[in-house]
Amino acid sequence: MTASGPVGNEAGTAERLDLGHLREEEDRMTWLRCTVDALAREIAWAPLPYEEAVVRVTRVKAAILSRFSTKGETYELVYAPRFRRLLEARFGRVPREWVLSL
């Protein structure tokens, strides 16, 4: 290693680690997008009772927060309102506790 950074094989290893990390993050984001979109389609179109839709939203929220533990605020700002709007449009209601907490 020189003062300016890794040399030789060290540089190649660092690049592979960075690419691996980027691929992993890309996979996680793809999972997130597909999961949220699939649930949105189910809420909008599947013959799903209200209670089951609420259970599925709750499960997806838990799955998202387990994979992205530091993104709770992002979930509340981006995905919670989307699910709330979908439930309201489809069923005309959302769980009372979601009005402030989701």
N, C-alpha and C. Protein backbone atom coordinates (compact mmCIF):
# COMPACT_ATOMS: atom_id res chain seq x y z
N MET A 1 0.85 -1.17 0.00
CA MET A 1 0.00 0.00 0.00
C MET A 1 0.90 1.23 0.00
N THR A 2 0.56 2.20 -0.81
CA THR A 2 1.30 3.45 -0.83
C THR A 2 0.48 4.50 -0.11
N ALA A 3 1.06 5.67 0.04
CA ALA A 3 0.34 6.76 0.69
C ALA A 3 -0.89 7.17 -0.09
N SER A 4 -0.90 6.91 -1.40
CA SER A 4 -2.04 7.32 -2.22
C SER A 4 -3.13 6.26 -2.30
N GLY A 5 -2.90 5.06 -1.77
CA GLY A 5 -3.95 4.04 -1.80
C GLY A 5 -3.40 2.67 -2.09
N PRO A 6 -4.29 1.69 -2.31
CA PRO A 6 -3.86 0.32 -2.55
C PRO A 6 -3.10 0.18 -3.86
N VAL A 7 -2.18 -0.77 -3.89
CA VAL A 7 -1.40 -1.02 -5.09
C VAL A 7 -1.58 -2.46 -5.55
N GLY A 8 -1.37 -2.69 -6.83
CA GLY A 8 -1.34 -4.05 -7.35
C GLY A 8 -2.59 -4.83 -7.02
N ASN A 9 -2.42 -6.00 -6.46
CA ASN A 9 -3.51 -6.92 -6.16
C ASN A 9 -4.50 -6.34 -5.15
N GLU A 10 -4.00 -5.50 -4.24
CA GLU A 10 -4.89 -4.89 -3.25
C GLU A 10 -5.96 -4.04 -3.93
N ALA A 11 -5.59 -3.32 -4.97
CA ALA A 11 -6.55 -2.47 -5.69
C ALA A 11 -7.62 -3.33 -6.34
N GLY A 12 -7.24 -4.43 -6.97
CA GLY A 12 -8.21 -5.32 -7.59
C GLY A 12 -9.16 -5.92 -6.58
N THR A 13 -8.65 -6.29 -5.42
CA THR A 13 -9.49 -6.85 -4.36
C THR A 13 -10.48 -5.81 -3.87
N ALA A 14 -10.03 -4.58 -3.69
CA ALA A 14 -10.92 -3.52 -3.24
C ALA A 14 -12.03 -3.27 -4.26
N GLU A 15 -11.68 -3.30 -5.55
CA GLU A 15 -12.69 -3.10 -6.59
C GLU A 15 -13.72 -4.22 -6.57
N ARG A 16 -13.27 -5.46 -6.40
CA ARG A 16 -14.20 -6.60 -6.35
C ARG A 16 -15.13 -6.48 -5.14
N LEU A 17 -14.58 -6.05 -4.01
CA LEU A 17 -15.42 -5.87 -2.82
C LEU A 17 -16.46 -4.78 -3.05
N ASP A 18 -16.03 -3.68 -3.68
CA ASP A 18 -16.96 -2.60 -3.97
C ASP A 18 -18.05 -3.07 -4.93
N LEU A 19 -17.67 -3.80 -5.98
CA LEU A 19 -18.66 -4.31 -6.93
C LEU A 19 -19.60 -5.29 -6.26
N GLY A 20 -19.07 -6.14 -5.41
CA GLY A 20 -19.92 -7.09 -4.67
C GLY A 20 -20.91 -6.36 -3.79
N HIS A 21 -20.45 -5.33 -3.12
CA HIS A 21 -21.34 -4.54 -2.26
C HIS A 21 -22.41 -3.84 -3.09
N LEU A 22 -22.02 -3.30 -4.23
CA LEU A 22 -22.99 -2.63 -5.10
C LEU A 22 -24.04 -3.60 -5.63
N ARG A 23 -23.60 -4.79 -6.02
CA ARG A 23 -24.55 -5.81 -6.50
C ARG A 23 -25.51 -6.22 -5.40
N GLU A 24 -24.98 -6.39 -4.20
CA GLU A 24 -25.82 -6.76 -3.06
C GLU A 24 -26.87 -5.68 -2.79
N GLU A 25 -26.44 -4.44 -2.81
CA GLU A 25 -27.37 -3.34 -2.58
C GLU A 25 -28.41 -3.25 -3.70
N GLU A 26 -27.97 -3.47 -4.92
CA GLU A 26 -28.89 -3.47 -6.06
C GLU A 26 -29.92 -4.60 -5.92
N ASP A 27 -29.47 -5.77 -5.49
CA ASP A 27 -30.39 -6.89 -5.27
C ASP A 27 -31.42 -6.56 -4.19
N ARG A 28 -30.96 -5.92 -3.12
CA ARG A 28 -31.89 -5.54 -2.04
C ARG A 28 -32.92 -4.53 -2.53
N MET A 29 -32.48 -3.58 -3.34
CA MET A 29 -33.41 -2.57 -3.86
C MET A 29 -34.38 -3.18 -4.86
N THR A 30 -33.92 -4.13 -5.66
CA THR A 30 -34.81 -4.83 -6.59
C THR A 30 -35.86 -5.61 -5.81
N TRP A 31 -35.43 -6.30 -4.76
CA TRP A 31 -36.37 -7.04 -3.90
C TRP A 31 -37.42 -6.08 -3.33
N LEU A 32 -36.97 -4.93 -2.83
CA LEU A 32 -37.87 -3.95 -2.24
C LEU A 32 -38.90 -3.49 -3.26
N ARG A 33 -38.45 -3.09 -4.43
CA ARG A 33 -39.35 -2.59 -5.47
C ARG A 33 -40.36 -3.66 -5.89
N CYS A 34 -39.88 -4.87 -6.12
CA CYS A 34 -40.77 -5.96 -6.54
C CYS A 34 -41.77 -6.32 -5.46
N THR A 35 -41.33 -6.35 -4.22
CA THR A 35 -42.22 -6.69 -3.10
C THR A 35 -43.32 -5.65 -2.94
N VAL A 36 -42.94 -4.39 -2.95
CA VAL A 36 -43.92 -3.31 -2.78
C VAL A 36 -44.89 -3.28 -3.97
N ASP A 37 -44.37 -3.40 -5.18
CA ASP A 37 -45.23 -3.39 -6.36
C ASP A 37 -46.19 -4.57 -6.39
N ALA A 38 -45.70 -5.75 -6.00
CA ALA A 38 -46.57 -6.93 -5.97
C ALA A 38 -47.70 -6.76 -4.97
N LEU A 39 -47.39 -6.24 -3.80
CA LEU A 39 -48.44 -6.03 -2.80
C LEU A 39 -49.42 -4.96 -3.27
N ALA A 40 -48.92 -3.92 -3.90
CA ALA A 40 -49.81 -2.88 -4.42
C ALA A 40 -50.79 -3.46 -5.44
N ARG A 41 -50.29 -4.32 -6.32
CA ARG A 41 -51.18 -4.97 -7.30
C ARG A 41 -52.20 -5.86 -6.61
N GLU A 42 -51.76 -6.60 -5.60
CA GLU A 42 -52.70 -7.47 -4.88
C GLU A 42 -53.81 -6.66 -4.22
N ILE A 43 -53.43 -5.58 -3.56
CA ILE A 43 -54.43 -4.76 -2.88
C ILE A 43 -55.41 -4.19 -3.91
N ALA A 44 -54.90 -3.73 -5.02
CA ALA A 44 -55.75 -3.10 -6.03
C ALA A 44 -56.63 -4.09 -6.79
N TRP A 45 -56.13 -5.30 -7.07
CA TRP A 45 -56.83 -6.16 -8.02
C TRP A 45 -57.21 -7.55 -7.52
N ALA A 46 -56.54 -8.09 -6.55
CA ALA A 46 -56.82 -9.47 -6.12
C ALA A 46 -58.12 -9.54 -5.32
N PRO A 47 -58.82 -10.66 -5.41
CA PRO A 47 -60.02 -10.83 -4.58
C PRO A 47 -59.59 -11.08 -3.13
N LEU A 48 -59.26 -10.02 -2.47
CA LEU A 48 -58.63 -10.06 -1.16
C LEU A 48 -59.54 -9.37 -0.15
N PRO A 49 -59.91 -10.03 0.94
CA PRO A 49 -60.69 -9.32 1.95
C PRO A 49 -59.84 -8.25 2.65
N TYR A 50 -60.50 -7.27 3.18
CA TYR A 50 -59.84 -6.15 3.85
C TYR A 50 -58.85 -6.62 4.91
N GLU A 51 -59.28 -7.52 5.77
CA GLU A 51 -58.43 -7.98 6.88
C GLU A 51 -57.14 -8.62 6.36
N GLU A 52 -57.24 -9.40 5.30
CA GLU A 52 -56.06 -10.05 4.72
C GLU A 52 -55.13 -9.00 4.10
N ALA A 53 -55.69 -7.99 3.47
CA ALA A 53 -54.86 -6.92 2.91
C ALA A 53 -54.06 -6.23 4.01
N VAL A 54 -54.71 -5.97 5.13
CA VAL A 54 -54.04 -5.32 6.26
C VAL A 54 -52.92 -6.22 6.80
N VAL A 55 -53.20 -7.51 6.92
CA VAL A 55 -52.18 -8.45 7.39
C VAL A 55 -50.99 -8.46 6.44
N ARG A 56 -51.24 -8.46 5.16
CA ARG A 56 -50.15 -8.49 4.18
C ARG A 56 -49.31 -7.21 4.23
N VAL A 57 -49.95 -6.08 4.39
CA VAL A 57 -49.19 -4.83 4.52
C VAL A 57 -48.31 -4.89 5.76
N THR A 58 -48.85 -5.38 6.85
CA THR A 58 -48.09 -5.49 8.10
C THR A 58 -46.89 -6.42 7.92
N ARG A 59 -47.09 -7.53 7.25
CA ARG A 59 -45.99 -8.48 7.01
C ARG A 59 -44.92 -7.88 6.10
N VAL A 60 -45.35 -7.19 5.06
CA VAL A 60 -44.38 -6.57 4.15
C VAL A 60 -43.59 -5.49 4.88
N LYS A 61 -44.25 -4.72 5.71
CA LYS A 61 -43.54 -3.70 6.49
C LYS A 61 -42.47 -4.36 7.36
N ALA A 62 -42.83 -5.44 8.05
CA ALA A 62 -41.86 -6.15 8.90
C ALA A 62 -40.69 -6.68 8.07
N ALA A 63 -40.98 -7.23 6.89
CA ALA A 63 -39.93 -7.76 6.03
C ALA A 63 -39.00 -6.65 5.55
N ILE A 64 -39.57 -5.52 5.19
CA ILE A 64 -38.77 -4.39 4.73
C ILE A 64 -37.87 -3.90 5.86
N LEU A 65 -38.44 -3.74 7.04
CA LEU A 65 -37.65 -3.22 8.16
C LEU A 65 -36.59 -4.22 8.62
N SER A 66 -36.82 -5.51 8.40
CA SER A 66 -35.79 -6.48 8.78
C SER A 66 -34.61 -6.44 7.80
N ARG A 67 -34.87 -6.12 6.55
CA ARG A 67 -33.79 -6.02 5.56
C ARG A 67 -33.14 -4.64 5.54
N PHE A 68 -33.90 -3.63 5.89
CA PHE A 68 -33.42 -2.25 5.88
C PHE A 68 -33.71 -1.64 7.25
N SER A 69 -33.02 -2.11 8.27
CA SER A 69 -33.35 -1.73 9.64
C SER A 69 -33.24 -0.23 9.91
N THR A 70 -32.45 0.48 9.15
CA THR A 70 -32.30 1.92 9.39
C THR A 70 -33.24 2.75 8.53
N LYS A 71 -34.15 2.11 7.82
CA LYS A 71 -35.00 2.83 6.87
C LYS A 71 -36.45 2.97 7.34
N GLY A 72 -36.69 2.89 8.64
CA GLY A 72 -38.04 3.02 9.15
C GLY A 72 -38.70 4.33 8.75
N GLU A 73 -37.93 5.40 8.84
CA GLU A 73 -38.47 6.71 8.48
C GLU A 73 -38.80 6.78 6.99
N THR A 74 -37.94 6.20 6.17
CA THR A 74 -38.20 6.16 4.73
C THR A 74 -39.47 5.38 4.44
N TYR A 75 -39.65 4.25 5.13
CA TYR A 75 -40.88 3.47 4.95
C TYR A 75 -42.09 4.34 5.27
N GLU A 76 -42.04 5.04 6.39
CA GLU A 76 -43.17 5.87 6.81
C GLU A 76 -43.46 6.99 5.81
N LEU A 77 -42.42 7.53 5.19
CA LEU A 77 -42.60 8.64 4.25
C LEU A 77 -43.02 8.20 2.85
N VAL A 78 -42.55 7.02 2.42
CA VAL A 78 -42.77 6.61 1.03
C VAL A 78 -43.81 5.52 0.89
N TYR A 79 -43.62 4.42 1.59
CA TYR A 79 -44.45 3.24 1.36
C TYR A 79 -45.74 3.23 2.17
N ALA A 80 -45.70 3.69 3.41
CA ALA A 80 -46.92 3.70 4.23
C ALA A 80 -48.03 4.51 3.57
N PRO A 81 -47.75 5.73 3.09
CA PRO A 81 -48.83 6.48 2.42
C PRO A 81 -49.36 5.78 1.17
N ARG A 82 -48.48 5.12 0.44
CA ARG A 82 -48.92 4.39 -0.76
C ARG A 82 -49.88 3.27 -0.38
N PHE A 83 -49.53 2.48 0.63
CA PHE A 83 -50.41 1.40 1.06
C PHE A 83 -51.71 1.95 1.65
N ARG A 84 -51.62 3.04 2.39
CA ARG A 84 -52.81 3.66 2.97
C ARG A 84 -53.76 4.11 1.86
N ARG A 85 -53.23 4.77 0.83
CA ARG A 85 -54.06 5.22 -0.30
C ARG A 85 -54.72 4.04 -1.01
N LEU A 86 -53.96 2.97 -1.21
CA LEU A 86 -54.51 1.79 -1.88
C LEU A 86 -55.64 1.17 -1.07
N LEU A 87 -55.44 1.03 0.24
CA LEU A 87 -56.49 0.46 1.09
C LEU A 87 -57.72 1.36 1.10
N GLU A 88 -57.50 2.65 1.18
CA GLU A 88 -58.62 3.60 1.19
C GLU A 88 -59.38 3.54 -0.13
N ALA A 89 -58.66 3.48 -1.25
CA ALA A 89 -59.31 3.42 -2.56
C ALA A 89 -60.09 2.12 -2.75
N ARG A 90 -59.53 1.03 -2.31
CA ARG A 90 -60.16 -0.28 -2.53
C ARG A 90 -61.27 -0.58 -1.54
N PHE A 91 -61.02 -0.28 -0.25
CA PHE A 91 -61.95 -0.70 0.80
C PHE A 91 -62.67 0.46 1.48
N GLY A 92 -62.23 1.68 1.20
CA GLY A 92 -62.87 2.84 1.81
C GLY A 92 -62.49 3.07 3.26
N ARG A 93 -61.44 2.39 3.72
CA ARG A 93 -61.00 2.57 5.11
C ARG A 93 -59.58 2.04 5.29
N VAL A 94 -58.98 2.48 6.37
CA VAL A 94 -57.68 1.97 6.81
C VAL A 94 -57.79 1.74 8.31
N PRO A 95 -56.95 0.89 8.88
CA PRO A 95 -57.01 0.68 10.32
C PRO A 95 -56.81 1.99 11.07
N ARG A 96 -57.59 2.19 12.11
CA ARG A 96 -57.54 3.43 12.88
C ARG A 96 -56.13 3.73 13.37
N GLU A 97 -55.41 2.70 13.84
CA GLU A 97 -54.06 2.93 14.37
C GLU A 97 -53.07 3.34 13.28
N TRP A 98 -53.41 3.14 12.02
CA TRP A 98 -52.52 3.54 10.93
C TRP A 98 -52.63 5.01 10.60
N VAL A 99 -53.69 5.64 11.03
CA VAL A 99 -53.90 7.04 10.67
C VAL A 99 -52.70 7.88 11.13
N LEU A 100 -52.18 7.59 12.31
CA LEU A 100 -51.02 8.34 12.79
C LEU A 100 -49.73 7.53 12.76
N SER A 101 -49.83 6.21 12.90
CA SER A 101 -48.61 5.42 13.06
C SER A 101 -48.02 4.90 11.77
N LEU A 102 -48.81 4.69 10.75
CA LEU A 102 -48.28 4.12 9.51
C LEU A 102 -47.81 5.17 8.60
